[in-house]
């Protein structure tokens, strides 16, 4: 759900892309993104694309042809990172687990010490499974090897802890339409000083001109060298959405999402649904995945929710297609009232 203030902001007059007001707006967005990312990274800005565009941006800039790229794979979007890295000509090695599980430090360390990759990728909040992997089990071993760590924070940013600096993540990308409660189309990215220095020394240019971070960054710093044409309404929306987060307080926002998750899981279990992610500490707070009761047709259930109650619930992706529900309680929807309405509607629709 888009935050009402983001909707209102998009109705404001469109100014030029070098207008002083717009440039100041960009700077404030960068500051707000540093807060939600939990970082001091100077190179924190937005990629003019959806979340997968930001994923490709991260891979294209930091995964070189012939380099070894290690991926922690336990979901659809880890597989997508794998495909992108292979298209860059990387030697991709994978540590795999069943979808819905997370990696522990011992297995992550053994895998990385065996493979000794130059770059490592993992999904912090796997949208296809509802599993949350903070990165704390992965980053320490990566640091010992001197490897760069890329994290997919598409679902986590703005609704639960990301904490780039504390975890030790070098490159993180996200999107606008999930935890930030904006329309899709702008995707935050943040790069550590270590990773940026690596990028500056990269011997060849990235394969993509449009997604070249060194070129893109010049638009976000004086003298604001033209690289792409931004969409002011999307920036207006993100500016206000970040203001909403600042006013609520990041930790208060996290807690609101956590409480909504607990309330939802409790109610779903009472109705006979089974959480896909078994351990509560491994669950995304605002994107809940459950297996329906055995006699329930998940497609028909989702159709009933949409047609009768105007509630849209997603089905599974990849190997979980037709097997689970993926329920978002993000931003304005993370309230006890919204959760109770959904549970009542589910009970009436089964």
C-alpha atoms as a PDB file:
ATOM      1  CA  UNK A   1       0.000   0.000   0.000  1.00  0.00           C
ATOM      2  CA  UNK A   2       1.321   3.429  -0.964  1.00  0.00           C
ATOM      3  CA  UNK A   3       1.421   5.833   1.974  1.00  0.00           C
ATOM      4  CA  UNK A   4      -1.270   8.546   1.640  1.00  0.00           C
ATOM      5  CA  UNK A   5       1.358  11.282   1.950  1.00  0.00           C
ATOM      6  CA  UNK A   6       3.271   9.781  -0.947  1.00  0.00           C
ATOM      7  CA  UNK A   7       0.091   9.877  -3.051  1.00  0.00           C
ATOM      8  CA  UNK A   8      -0.462  13.513  -2.159  1.00  0.00           C
ATOM      9  CA  UNK A   9       3.133  14.436  -2.932  1.00  0.00           C
ATOM     10  CA  UNK A  10       2.894  13.065  -6.469  1.00  0.00           C
ATOM     11  CA  UNK A  11       0.192  15.612  -7.278  1.00  0.00           C
ATOM     12  CA  UNK A  12       2.628  18.518  -6.789  1.00  0.00           C
ATOM     13  CA  UNK A  13       3.911  20.498  -9.797  1.00  0.00           C
ATOM     14  CA  UNK A  14       6.750  18.929 -11.748  1.00  0.00           C
ATOM     15  CA  UNK A  15       9.958  20.969 -11.746  1.00  0.00           C
ATOM     16  CA  UNK A  16      13.066  20.673 -13.893  1.00  0.00           C
ATOM     17  CA  UNK A  17      15.674  18.061 -13.067  1.00  0.00           C
ATOM     18  CA  UNK A  18      18.252  20.765 -12.249  1.00  0.00           C
ATOM     19  CA  UNK A  19      15.860  22.975 -10.321  1.00  0.00           C
ATOM     20  CA  UNK A  20      17.417  23.924  -6.935  1.00  0.00           C
ATOM     21  CA  UNK A  21      14.332  22.593  -5.146  1.00  0.00           C
ATOM     22  CA  UNK A  22      14.641  19.217  -6.864  1.00  0.00           C
ATOM     23  CA  UNK A  23      18.365  18.958  -6.153  1.00  0.00           C
ATOM     24  CA  UNK A  24      17.746  19.718  -2.476  1.00  0.00           C
ATOM     25  CA  UNK A  25      14.987  17.084  -2.466  1.00  0.00           C
ATOM     26  CA  UNK A  26      17.442  14.522  -3.835  1.00  0.00           C
ATOM     27  CA  UNK A  27      19.929  15.349  -1.098  1.00  0.00           C
ATOM     28  CA  UNK A  28      17.292  14.894   1.607  1.00  0.00           C
ATOM     29  CA  UNK A  29      16.275  11.561   0.079  1.00  0.00           C
ATOM     30  CA  UNK A  30      19.886  10.402   0.211  1.00  0.00           C
ATOM     31  CA  UNK A  31      20.080  11.353   3.883  1.00  0.00           C
ATOM     32  CA  UNK A  32      16.836   9.541   4.673  1.00  0.00           C
ATOM     33  CA  UNK A  33      18.012   6.437   2.851  1.00  0.00           C
ATOM     34  CA  UNK A  34      21.221   6.358   4.870  1.00  0.00           C
ATOM     35  CA  UNK A  35      19.090   6.251   8.003  1.00  0.00           C
ATOM     36  CA  UNK A  36      16.887   3.354   6.888  1.00  0.00           C
ATOM     37  CA  UNK A  37      19.879   1.457   5.452  1.00  0.00           C
ATOM     38  CA  UNK A  38      21.728   1.962   8.741  1.00  0.00           C
ATOM     39  CA  UNK A  39      24.834   3.364   7.096  1.00  0.00           C
ATOM     40  CA  UNK A  40      27.106   6.361   6.685  1.00  0.00           C
ATOM     41  CA  UNK A  41      27.920   5.452   3.094  1.00  0.00           C
ATOM     42  CA  UNK A  42      28.314   8.621   1.050  1.00  0.00           C
ATOM     43  CA  UNK A  43      27.382   6.751  -2.121  1.00  0.00           C
ATOM     44  CA  UNK A  44      23.760   6.131  -1.231  1.00  0.00           C
ATOM     45  CA  UNK A  45      21.217   7.162  -3.857  1.00  0.00           C
ATOM     46  CA  UNK A  46      18.501   5.730  -6.112  1.00  0.00           C
ATOM     47  CA  UNK A  47      18.720   3.697  -9.301  1.00  0.00           C
ATOM     48  CA  UNK A  48      16.102   4.800 -11.872  1.00  0.00           C
ATOM     49  CA  UNK A  49      14.558   1.324 -12.165  1.00  0.00           C
ATOM     50  CA  UNK A  50      12.568  -1.300 -10.304  1.00  0.00           C
ATOM     51  CA  UNK A  51      14.137  -3.664  -7.783  1.00  0.00           C
ATOM     52  CA  UNK A  52      15.441  -6.087 -10.394  1.00  0.00           C
ATOM     53  CA  UNK A  53      17.096  -3.169 -12.160  1.00  0.00           C
ATOM     54  CA  UNK A  54      18.923  -2.348  -8.927  1.00  0.00           C
ATOM     55  CA  UNK A  55      19.897  -6.002  -8.572  1.00  0.00           C
ATOM     56  CA  UNK A  56      21.373  -5.981 -12.077  1.00  0.00           C
ATOM     57  CA  UNK A  57      23.101  -2.688 -11.293  1.00  0.00           C
ATOM     58  CA  UNK A  58      24.834  -4.221  -8.271  1.00  0.00           C
ATOM     59  CA  UNK A  59      25.837  -7.360 -10.163  1.00  0.00           C
ATOM     60  CA  UNK A  60      26.993  -5.523 -13.305  1.00  0.00           C
ATOM     61  CA  UNK A  61      29.226  -3.164 -11.335  1.00  0.00           C
ATOM     62  CA  UNK A  62      30.818  -5.573  -8.861  1.00  0.00           C
ATOM     63  CA  UNK A  63      30.863  -8.969 -10.570  1.00  0.00           C
ATOM     64  CA  UNK A  64      33.596  -9.072 -13.206  1.00  0.00           C
ATOM     65  CA  UNK A  65      33.948 -11.559 -16.085  1.00  0.00           C
ATOM     66  CA  UNK A  66      35.934 -14.568 -14.906  1.00  0.00           C
ATOM     67  CA  UNK A  67      35.628 -13.690 -11.217  1.00  0.00           C
ATOM     68  CA  UNK A  68      34.226 -16.110  -8.653  1.00  0.00           C
ATOM     69  CA  UNK A  69      30.840 -15.142  -7.296  1.00  0.00           C
ATOM     70  CA  UNK A  70      29.403 -17.084  -4.351  1.00  0.00           C
ATOM     71  CA  UNK A  71      25.660 -17.052  -3.828  1.00  0.00           C
ATOM     72  CA  UNK A  72      23.664 -18.246  -0.823  1.00  0.00           C
ATOM     73  CA  UNK A  73      20.669 -19.742  -2.598  1.00  0.00           C
ATOM     74  CA  UNK A  74      17.395 -20.571  -0.889  1.00  0.00           C
ATOM     75  CA  UNK A  75      14.759 -18.806  -2.979  1.00  0.00           C
ATOM     76  CA  UNK A  76      13.623 -17.329  -6.265  1.00  0.00           C
ATOM     77  CA  UNK A  77      15.567 -14.071  -6.014  1.00  0.00           C
ATOM     78  CA  UNK A  78      18.848 -15.767  -5.138  1.00  0.00           C
ATOM     79  CA  UNK A  79      18.308 -17.696  -8.373  1.00  0.00           C
ATOM     80  CA  UNK A  80      17.755 -14.411 -10.213  1.00  0.00           C
ATOM     81  CA  UNK A  81      21.071 -13.058  -8.868  1.00  0.00           C
ATOM     82  CA  UNK A  82      22.701 -16.272 -10.079  1.00  0.00           C
ATOM     83  CA  UNK A  83      21.406 -15.779 -13.628  1.00  0.00           C
ATOM     84  CA  UNK A  84      22.581 -12.173 -13.714  1.00  0.00           C
ATOM     85  CA  UNK A  85      26.067 -13.099 -12.477  1.00  0.00           C
ATOM     86  CA  UNK A  86      26.372 -15.822 -15.103  1.00  0.00           C
ATOM     87  CA  UNK A  87      25.448 -13.304 -17.795  1.00  0.00           C
ATOM     88  CA  UNK A  88      28.351 -11.178 -16.566  1.00  0.00           C
ATOM     89  CA  UNK A  89      30.630 -14.119 -17.279  1.00  0.00           C
ATOM     90  CA  UNK A  90      31.343 -14.920 -13.639  1.00  0.00           C
ATOM     91  CA  UNK A  91      32.224 -18.319 -12.231  1.00  0.00           C
ATOM     92  CA  UNK A  92      29.185 -18.823  -9.997  1.00  0.00           C
ATOM     93  CA  UNK A  93      29.282 -21.186  -7.022  1.00  0.00           C
ATOM     94  CA  UNK A  94      26.204 -21.800  -4.875  1.00  0.00           C
ATOM     95  CA  UNK A  95      25.441 -23.017  -1.378  1.00  0.00           C
ATOM     96  CA  UNK A  96      21.858 -24.233  -1.451  1.00  0.00           C
ATOM     97  CA  UNK A  97      19.257 -24.909   1.222  1.00  0.00           C
ATOM     98  CA  UNK A  98      15.556 -25.783   1.040  1.00  0.00           C
ATOM     99  CA  UNK A  99      13.382 -22.751   0.342  1.00  0.00           C
ATOM    100  CA  UNK A 100      12.241 -21.189   3.595  1.00  0.00           C
ATOM    101  CA  UNK A 101      15.433 -21.946   5.535  1.00  0.00           C
ATOM    102  CA  UNK A 102      18.340 -19.633   6.378  1.00  0.00           C
ATOM    103  CA  UNK A 103      22.088 -20.205   6.543  1.00  0.00           C
ATOM    104  CA  UNK A 104      24.001 -20.499   9.809  1.00  0.00           C
ATOM    105  CA  UNK A 105      27.519 -19.212  10.434  1.00  0.00           C
ATOM    106  CA  UNK A 106      29.238 -22.608  10.454  1.00  0.00           C
ATOM    107  CA  UNK A 107      28.022 -23.643   7.015  1.00  0.00           C
ATOM    108  CA  UNK A 108      28.558 -20.166   5.571  1.00  0.00           C
ATOM    109  CA  UNK A 109      32.139 -20.064   6.838  1.00  0.00           C
ATOM    110  CA  UNK A 110      32.945 -23.566   5.539  1.00  0.00           C
ATOM    111  CA  UNK A 111      31.498 -22.728   2.118  1.00  0.00           C
ATOM    112  CA  UNK A 112      33.364 -19.435   1.767  1.00  0.00           C
ATOM    113  CA  UNK A 113      36.679 -20.795   3.017  1.00  0.00           C
ATOM    114  CA  UNK A 114      36.409 -23.656   0.530  1.00  0.00           C
ATOM    115  CA  UNK A 115      35.458 -21.512  -2.474  1.00  0.00           C
ATOM    116  CA  UNK A 116      37.337 -18.294  -1.610  1.00  0.00           C
ATOM    117  CA  UNK A 117      35.212 -16.030  -3.849  1.00  0.00           C
ATOM    118  CA  UNK A 118      35.895 -12.412  -4.729  1.00  0.00           C
ATOM    119  CA  UNK A 119      32.261 -11.372  -4.337  1.00  0.00           C
ATOM    120  CA  UNK A 120      29.416 -12.841  -2.268  1.00  0.00           C
ATOM    121  CA  UNK A 121      25.687 -12.395  -2.728  1.00  0.00           C
ATOM    122  CA  UNK A 122      22.762 -13.168  -0.454  1.00  0.00           C
ATOM    123  CA  UNK A 123      19.129 -12.169  -0.051  1.00  0.00           C
ATOM    124  CA  UNK A 124      18.400 -10.484   3.260  1.00  0.00           C
ATOM    125  CA  UNK A 125      14.632 -10.858   2.982  1.00  0.00           C
ATOM    126  CA  UNK A 126      13.660 -13.509   0.437  1.00  0.00           C
ATOM    127  CA  UNK A 127      10.341 -12.386  -1.038  1.00  0.00           C
ATOM    128  CA  UNK A 128       9.548 -15.828  -2.424  1.00  0.00           C
ATOM    129  CA  UNK A 129       9.816 -17.638   0.913  1.00  0.00           C
ATOM    130  CA  UNK A 130       9.350 -15.071   3.692  1.00  0.00           C
ATOM    131  CA  UNK A 131      12.746 -15.909   5.227  1.00  0.00           C
ATOM    132  CA  UNK A 132      14.991 -13.227   6.769  1.00  0.00           C
ATOM    133  CA  UNK A 133      18.790 -13.611   6.672  1.00  0.00           C
ATOM    134  CA  UNK A 134      20.338 -10.591   8.375  1.00  0.00           C
ATOM    135  CA  UNK A 135      23.816 -11.310   7.021  1.00  0.00           C
ATOM    136  CA  UNK A 136      25.470 -11.696  10.402  1.00  0.00           C
ATOM    137  CA  UNK A 137      26.136 -15.375   9.677  1.00  0.00           C
ATOM    138  CA  UNK A 138      27.816 -14.507   6.371  1.00  0.00           C
ATOM    139  CA  UNK A 139      29.653 -11.180   6.569  1.00  0.00           C
ATOM    140  CA  UNK A 140      32.367 -12.075   9.147  1.00  0.00           C
ATOM    141  CA  UNK A 141      33.725 -14.912   6.997  1.00  0.00           C
ATOM    142  CA  UNK A 142      33.586 -12.679   3.938  1.00  0.00           C
ATOM    143  CA  UNK A 143      35.607  -9.989   5.681  1.00  0.00           C
ATOM    144  CA  UNK A 144      38.327 -12.496   6.548  1.00  0.00           C
ATOM    145  CA  UNK A 145      38.652 -13.312   2.853  1.00  0.00           C
ATOM    146  CA  UNK A 146      38.567  -9.668   1.787  1.00  0.00           C
ATOM    147  CA  UNK A 147      35.505 -10.410  -0.363  1.00  0.00           C
ATOM    148  CA  UNK A 148      32.781  -7.905  -1.174  1.00  0.00           C
ATOM    149  CA  UNK A 149      29.286  -8.663   0.147  1.00  0.00           C
ATOM    150  CA  UNK A 150      26.201  -7.801  -1.917  1.00  0.00           C
ATOM    151  CA  UNK A 151      22.811  -7.956  -0.182  1.00  0.00           C
ATOM    152  CA  UNK A 152      19.352  -7.952  -1.719  1.00  0.00           C
ATOM    153  CA  UNK A 153      17.370  -5.742   0.688  1.00  0.00           C
ATOM    154  CA  UNK A 154      14.380  -5.335  -1.629  1.00  0.00           C
ATOM    155  CA  UNK A 155      11.840  -6.498   0.943  1.00  0.00           C
ATOM    156  CA  UNK A 156      13.563  -5.609   4.220  1.00  0.00           C
ATOM    157  CA  UNK A 157      14.321  -1.891   3.773  1.00  0.00           C
ATOM    158  CA  UNK A 158      12.017   0.391   5.749  1.00  0.00           C
ATOM    159  CA  UNK A 159      10.154  -2.290   7.684  1.00  0.00           C
ATOM    160  CA  UNK A 160      12.770  -4.294   9.582  1.00  0.00           C
ATOM    161  CA  UNK A 161      16.496  -4.042  10.407  1.00  0.00           C
ATOM    162  CA  UNK A 162      18.921  -3.756   7.487  1.00  0.00           C
ATOM    163  CA  UNK A 163      21.894  -2.231   9.370  1.00  0.00           C
ATOM    164  CA  UNK A 164      24.529  -2.282   6.633  1.00  0.00           C
ATOM    165  CA  UNK A 165      27.401  -0.903   8.692  1.00  0.00           C
ATOM    166  CA  UNK A 166      26.752  -3.060  11.753  1.00  0.00           C
ATOM    167  CA  UNK A 167      26.396  -6.251   9.703  1.00  0.00           C
ATOM    168  CA  UNK A 168      29.277  -5.551   7.338  1.00  0.00           C
ATOM    169  CA  UNK A 169      27.468  -5.359   3.989  1.00  0.00           C
ATOM    170  CA  UNK A 170      29.375  -3.618   1.181  1.00  0.00           C
ATOM    171  CA  UNK A 171      26.669  -3.189  -1.461  1.00  0.00           C
ATOM    172  CA  UNK A 172      22.936  -3.189  -0.804  1.00  0.00           C
ATOM    173  CA  UNK A 173      20.004  -2.567  -3.111  1.00  0.00           C
ATOM    174  CA  UNK A 174      16.283  -2.324  -2.517  1.00  0.00           C
ATOM    175  CA  UNK A 175      13.061  -1.070  -4.102  1.00  0.00           C
ATOM    176  CA  UNK A 176      10.456   1.582  -3.370  1.00  0.00           C
ATOM    177  CA  UNK A 177       7.143  -0.308  -3.304  1.00  0.00           C
ATOM    178  CA  UNK A 178       7.568  -2.575  -0.271  1.00  0.00           C
ATOM    179  CA  UNK A 179       8.842  -1.382   3.105  1.00  0.00           C
ATOM    180  CA  UNK A 180       9.112   2.238   1.952  1.00  0.00           C
ATOM    181  CA  UNK A 181       5.420   2.358   0.875  1.00  0.00           C
ATOM    182  CA  UNK A 182       6.056   4.178  -2.414  1.00  0.00           C
ATOM    183  CA  UNK A 183       5.098   3.433  -6.021  1.00  0.00           C
ATOM    184  CA  UNK A 184       7.548   1.185  -7.861  1.00  0.00           C
ATOM    185  CA  UNK A 185      10.172   2.763 -10.090  1.00  0.00           C
ATOM    186  CA  UNK A 186      13.009   4.039  -7.873  1.00  0.00           C
ATOM    187  CA  UNK A 187      15.406   1.628  -6.191  1.00  0.00           C
ATOM    188  CA  UNK A 188      17.755   2.665  -3.384  1.00  0.00           C
ATOM    189  CA  UNK A 189      21.351   1.468  -3.490  1.00  0.00           C
ATOM    190  CA  UNK A 190      24.196   1.979  -1.018  1.00  0.00           C
ATOM    191  CA  UNK A 191      27.900   1.274  -1.529  1.00  0.00           C
ATOM    192  CA  UNK A 192      30.562   1.169   1.196  1.00  0.00           C
ATOM    193  CA  UNK A 193      33.827   3.131   0.867  1.00  0.00           C
ATOM    194  CA  UNK A 194      35.684  -0.172   0.454  1.00  0.00           C
ATOM    195  CA  UNK A 195      33.440  -1.262  -2.409  1.00  0.00           C
ATOM    196  CA  UNK A 196      33.533   2.163  -4.033  1.00  0.00           C
ATOM    197  CA  UNK A 197      37.328   2.128  -3.978  1.00  0.00           C
ATOM    198  CA  UNK A 198      37.190  -1.308  -5.609  1.00  0.00           C
ATOM    199  CA  UNK A 199      34.858   0.099  -8.262  1.00  0.00           C
ATOM    200  CA  UNK A 200      37.139   3.055  -8.976  1.00  0.00           C
ATOM    201  CA  UNK A 201      40.023   0.637  -9.557  1.00  0.00           C
ATOM    202  CA  UNK A 202      38.044  -1.795 -11.704  1.00  0.00           C
ATOM    203  CA  UNK A 203      40.230  -2.405 -14.780  1.00  0.00           C
ATOM    204  CA  UNK A 204      37.391  -2.506 -17.322  1.00  0.00           C
ATOM    205  CA  UNK A 205      34.129  -0.583 -17.527  1.00  0.00           C
ATOM    206  CA  UNK A 206      30.907  -2.326 -16.478  1.00  0.00           C
ATOM    207  CA  UNK A 207      28.972  -3.971 -19.288  1.00  0.00           C
ATOM    208  CA  UNK A 208      25.990  -1.617 -18.788  1.00  0.00           C
ATOM    209  CA  UNK A 209      26.259   2.113 -19.514  1.00  0.00           C
ATOM    210  CA  UNK A 210      22.890   3.005 -17.980  1.00  0.00           C
ATOM    211  CA  UNK A 211      23.595   1.084 -14.772  1.00  0.00           C
ATOM    212  CA  UNK A 212      27.203   2.273 -14.404  1.00  0.00           C
ATOM    213  CA  UNK A 213      27.308   3.464 -10.790  1.00  0.00           C
ATOM    214  CA  UNK A 214      30.277   5.769 -11.330  1.00  0.00           C
ATOM    215  CA  UNK A 215      28.406   7.619 -14.054  1.00  0.00           C
ATOM    216  CA  UNK A 216      25.112   7.571 -12.150  1.00  0.00           C
ATOM    217  CA  UNK A 217      26.632   8.948  -8.957  1.00  0.00           C
ATOM    218  CA  UNK A 218      27.786  12.137 -10.679  1.00  0.00           C
ATOM    219  CA  UNK A 219      24.157  13.251 -11.002  1.00  0.00           C
ATOM    220  CA  UNK A 220      23.673  13.073  -7.227  1.00  0.00           C
ATOM    221  CA  UNK A 221      26.681  15.257  -6.367  1.00  0.00           C
ATOM    222  CA  UNK A 222      27.672  18.760  -7.457  1.00  0.00           C
ATOM    223  CA  UNK A 223      27.826  19.842 -10.245  1.00  0.00           C
ATOM    224  CA  UNK A 224      25.103  17.221 -10.957  1.00  0.00           C
ATOM    225  CA  UNK A 225      26.329  15.953 -14.319  1.00  0.00           C
ATOM    226  CA  UNK A 226      23.431  14.724 -16.457  1.00  0.00           C
ATOM    227  CA  UNK A 227      23.180  10.943 -16.695  1.00  0.00           C
ATOM    228  CA  UNK A 228      19.476  10.044 -16.855  1.00  0.00           C
ATOM    229  CA  UNK A 229      16.140  11.856 -16.715  1.00  0.00           C
ATOM    230  CA  UNK A 230      14.493  11.294 -13.332  1.00  0.00           C
ATOM    231  CA  UNK A 231      10.746  11.262 -12.699  1.00  0.00           C
ATOM    232  CA  UNK A 232      10.052  14.062 -10.169  1.00  0.00           C
ATOM    233  CA  UNK A 233       6.725  12.588  -8.902  1.00  0.00           C
ATOM    234  CA  UNK A 234       8.504   9.392  -7.858  1.00  0.00           C
ATOM    235  CA  UNK A 235      11.088  11.452  -5.983  1.00  0.00           C
ATOM    236  CA  UNK A 236       8.326  13.494  -4.340  1.00  0.00           C
ATOM    237  CA  UNK A 237       6.710  10.248  -3.164  1.00  0.00           C
ATOM    238  CA  UNK A 238       9.928   8.816  -1.746  1.00  0.00           C
ATOM    239  CA  UNK A 239      10.764  12.093  -0.025  1.00  0.00           C
ATOM    240  CA  UNK A 240       7.466  12.051   1.836  1.00  0.00           C
ATOM    241  CA  UNK A 241       7.591   8.333   2.578  1.00  0.00           C
ATOM    242  CA  UNK A 242      11.000   8.781   4.202  1.00  0.00           C
ATOM    243  CA  UNK A 243       9.641  11.744   6.157  1.00  0.00           C
ATOM    244  CA  UNK A 244       6.843   9.511   7.466  1.00  0.00           C
ATOM    245  CA  UNK A 245       9.429   6.953   8.598  1.00  0.00           C
ATOM    246  CA  UNK A 246      11.533   9.622  10.306  1.00  0.00           C
ATOM    247  CA  UNK A 247       8.512  11.005  12.146  1.00  0.00           C
ATOM    248  CA  UNK A 248       7.380   7.585  13.362  1.00  0.00           C
ATOM    249  CA  UNK A 249      10.907   6.570  14.287  1.00  0.00           C
ATOM    250  CA  UNK A 250      12.679   3.667  12.614  1.00  0.00           C
ATOM    251  CA  UNK A 251      12.677   1.383  15.658  1.00  0.00           C
ATOM    252  CA  UNK A 252       9.018   2.156  16.347  1.00  0.00           C
ATOM    253  CA  UNK A 253       8.220   1.282  12.737  1.00  0.00           C
ATOM    254  CA  UNK A 254      10.098  -2.003  13.032  1.00  0.00           C
ATOM    255  CA  UNK A 255       8.199  -2.831  16.222  1.00  0.00           C
ATOM    256  CA  UNK A 256       4.844  -2.046  14.607  1.00  0.00           C
ATOM    257  CA  UNK A 257       5.620  -4.460  11.777  1.00  0.00           C
ATOM    258  CA  UNK A 258       6.835  -7.129  14.206  1.00  0.00           C
ATOM    259  CA  UNK A 259       3.663  -6.924  16.293  1.00  0.00           C
ATOM    260  CA  UNK A 260       1.463  -7.099  13.195  1.00  0.00           C
ATOM    261  CA  UNK A 261       3.380 -10.196  12.088  1.00  0.00           C
ATOM    262  CA  UNK A 262       2.896 -11.972  15.403  1.00  0.00           C
ATOM    263  CA  UNK A 263      -0.808 -11.171  15.413  1.00  0.00           C
ATOM    264  CA  UNK A 264      -1.191 -12.416  11.842  1.00  0.00           C
ATOM    265  CA  UNK A 265       0.740 -15.662  12.375  1.00  0.00           C
ATOM    266  CA  UNK A 266      -1.239 -16.453  15.528  1.00  0.00           C
ATOM    267  CA  UNK A 267      -4.518 -15.947  13.689  1.00  0.00           C
ATOM    268  CA  UNK A 268      -3.429 -17.920  10.624  1.00  0.00           C
ATOM    269  CA  UNK A 269      -2.347 -20.906  12.702  1.00  0.00           C
ATOM    270  CA  UNK A 270      -5.699 -20.794  14.484  1.00  0.00           C
ATOM    271  CA  UNK A 271      -7.372 -21.081  11.057  1.00  0.00           C
ATOM    272  CA  UNK A 272      -5.271 -24.112  10.116  1.00  0.00           C
ATOM    273  CA  UNK A 273      -2.523 -22.475   8.057  1.00  0.00           C
ATOM    274  CA  UNK A 274       1.087 -23.629   8.536  1.00  0.00           C
ATOM    275  CA  UNK A 275       3.975 -21.123   8.445  1.00  0.00           C
ATOM    276  CA  UNK A 276       6.501 -21.971   5.729  1.00  0.00           C
ATOM    277  CA  UNK A 277       9.384 -20.517   7.765  1.00  0.00           C
ATOM    278  CA  UNK A 278       9.478 -22.655  10.892  1.00  0.00           C
ATOM    279  CA  UNK A 279      11.538 -20.501  13.262  1.00  0.00           C
ATOM    280  CA  UNK A 280       9.903 -17.183  14.282  1.00  0.00           C
ATOM    281  CA  UNK A 281      13.290 -15.426  14.384  1.00  0.00           C
ATOM    282  CA  UNK A 282      13.846 -16.302  10.698  1.00  0.00           C
ATOM    283  CA  UNK A 283      10.593 -14.759   9.437  1.00  0.00           C
ATOM    284  CA  UNK A 284      10.141 -11.517   7.546  1.00  0.00           C
ATOM    285  CA  UNK A 285       7.830  -9.433   9.716  1.00  0.00           C
ATOM    286  CA  UNK A 286       5.813  -7.821   6.948  1.00  0.00           C
ATOM    287  CA  UNK A 287       5.665 -10.592   4.322  1.00  0.00           C
ATOM    288  CA  UNK A 288       4.143 -13.749   5.755  1.00  0.00           C
ATOM    289  CA  UNK A 289       4.239 -17.097   3.942  1.00  0.00           C
ATOM    290  CA  UNK A 290       1.875 -19.901   4.894  1.00  0.00           C
ATOM    291  CA  UNK A 291       0.745 -23.251   3.523  1.00  0.00           C
ATOM    292  CA  UNK A 292      -3.079 -23.411   3.363  1.00  0.00           C
ATOM    293  CA  UNK A 293      -5.049 -26.250   4.990  1.00  0.00           C
ATOM    294  CA  UNK A 294      -5.002 -29.404   2.844  1.00  0.00           C
ATOM    295  CA  UNK A 295      -8.557 -29.064   1.530  1.00  0.00           C
ATOM    296  CA  UNK A 296      -8.247 -25.369   0.632  1.00  0.00           C
ATOM    297  CA  UNK A 297      -7.669 -24.358  -2.991  1.00  0.00           C
ATOM    298  CA  UNK A 298      -5.233 -21.450  -2.678  1.00  0.00           C
ATOM    299  CA  UNK A 299      -6.105 -19.917  -6.067  1.00  0.00           C
ATOM    300  CA  UNK A 300      -9.842 -19.966  -5.290  1.00  0.00           C
ATOM    301  CA  UNK A 301      -9.164 -18.554  -1.827  1.00  0.00           C
ATOM    302  CA  UNK A 302      -7.186 -15.648  -3.257  1.00  0.00           C
ATOM    303  CA  UNK A 303      -9.917 -15.035  -5.826  1.00  0.00           C
ATOM    304  CA  UNK A 304     -12.574 -14.905  -3.092  1.00  0.00           C
ATOM    305  CA  UNK A 305     -10.517 -12.448  -1.055  1.00  0.00           C
ATOM    306  CA  UNK A 306     -10.111 -10.148  -4.039  1.00  0.00           C
ATOM    307  CA  UNK A 307     -13.664 -10.243  -5.386  1.00  0.00           C
ATOM    308  CA  UNK A 308     -15.526 -10.222  -2.062  1.00  0.00           C
ATOM    309  CA  UNK A 309     -13.264  -8.174   0.206  1.00  0.00           C
ATOM    310  CA  UNK A 310     -10.957  -6.239  -2.157  1.00  0.00           C
ATOM    311  CA  UNK A 311      -7.920  -7.907  -0.557  1.00  0.00           C
ATOM    312  CA  UNK A 312      -5.099  -8.947  -2.852  1.00  0.00           C
ATOM    313  CA  UNK A 313      -2.890 -11.773  -1.580  1.00  0.00           C
ATOM    314  CA  UNK A 314      -0.009 -13.180  -3.635  1.00  0.00           C
ATOM    315  CA  UNK A 315       0.580 -16.821  -4.463  1.00  0.00           C
ATOM    316  CA  UNK A 316       3.878 -18.666  -4.511  1.00  0.00           C
ATOM    317  CA  UNK A 317       6.794 -18.154  -6.909  1.00  0.00           C
ATOM    318  CA  UNK A 318       8.948 -20.781  -8.602  1.00  0.00           C
ATOM    319  CA  UNK A 319       8.863 -24.143  -6.857  1.00  0.00           C
ATOM    320  CA  UNK A 320       6.286 -22.770  -4.390  1.00  0.00           C
ATOM    321  CA  UNK A 321       3.736 -21.880  -7.093  1.00  0.00           C
ATOM    322  CA  UNK A 322       0.221 -22.984  -6.038  1.00  0.00           C
ATOM    323  CA  UNK A 323       1.571 -24.149  -2.669  1.00  0.00           C
ATOM    324  CA  UNK A 324       1.623 -21.077  -0.412  1.00  0.00           C
ATOM    325  CA  UNK A 325       0.126 -17.664   0.248  1.00  0.00           C
ATOM    326  CA  UNK A 326       2.392 -14.617   0.514  1.00  0.00           C
ATOM    327  CA  UNK A 327       0.679 -11.964   2.619  1.00  0.00           C
ATOM    328  CA  UNK A 328       2.048  -8.442   2.805  1.00  0.00           C
ATOM    329  CA  UNK A 329       1.407  -6.249   5.850  1.00  0.00           C
ATOM    330  CA  UNK A 330       3.647  -3.361   4.880  1.00  0.00           C
ATOM    331  CA  UNK A 331       3.677   0.289   5.893  1.00  0.00           C
ATOM    332  CA  UNK A 332       0.124   1.562   6.527  1.00  0.00           C
ATOM    333  CA  UNK A 333      -1.187  -2.031   6.506  1.00  0.00           C
ATOM    334  CA  UNK A 334       0.866  -3.112   9.534  1.00  0.00           C
ATOM    335  CA  UNK A 335      -1.887  -2.485  12.089  1.00  0.00           C
ATOM    336  CA  UNK A 336      -4.024  -4.712  14.285  1.00  0.00           C
ATOM    337  CA  UNK A 337      -7.142  -3.450  12.492  1.00  0.00           C
ATOM    338  CA  UNK A 338      -5.839  -4.482   9.062  1.00  0.00           C
ATOM    339  CA  UNK A 339      -4.662  -7.856  10.339  1.00  0.00           C
ATOM    340  CA  UNK A 340      -7.998  -8.592  12.006  1.00  0.00           C
ATOM    341  CA  UNK A 341      -9.924  -7.611   8.856  1.00  0.00           C
ATOM    342  CA  UNK A 342      -7.763  -9.959   6.803  1.00  0.00           C
ATOM    343  CA  UNK A 343      -8.197 -12.836   9.265  1.00  0.00           C
ATOM    344  CA  UNK A 344     -11.976 -12.360   9.373  1.00  0.00           C
ATOM    345  CA  UNK A 345     -12.054 -12.266   5.559  1.00  0.00           C
ATOM    346  CA  UNK A 346      -9.936 -15.400   5.303  1.00  0.00           C
ATOM    347  CA  UNK A 347     -12.167 -17.284   7.712  1.00  0.00           C
ATOM    348  CA  UNK A 348     -15.222 -16.317   5.680  1.00  0.00           C
ATOM    349  CA  UNK A 349     -13.516 -17.298   2.402  1.00  0.00           C
ATOM    350  CA  UNK A 350     -12.205 -20.761   3.293  1.00  0.00           C
END
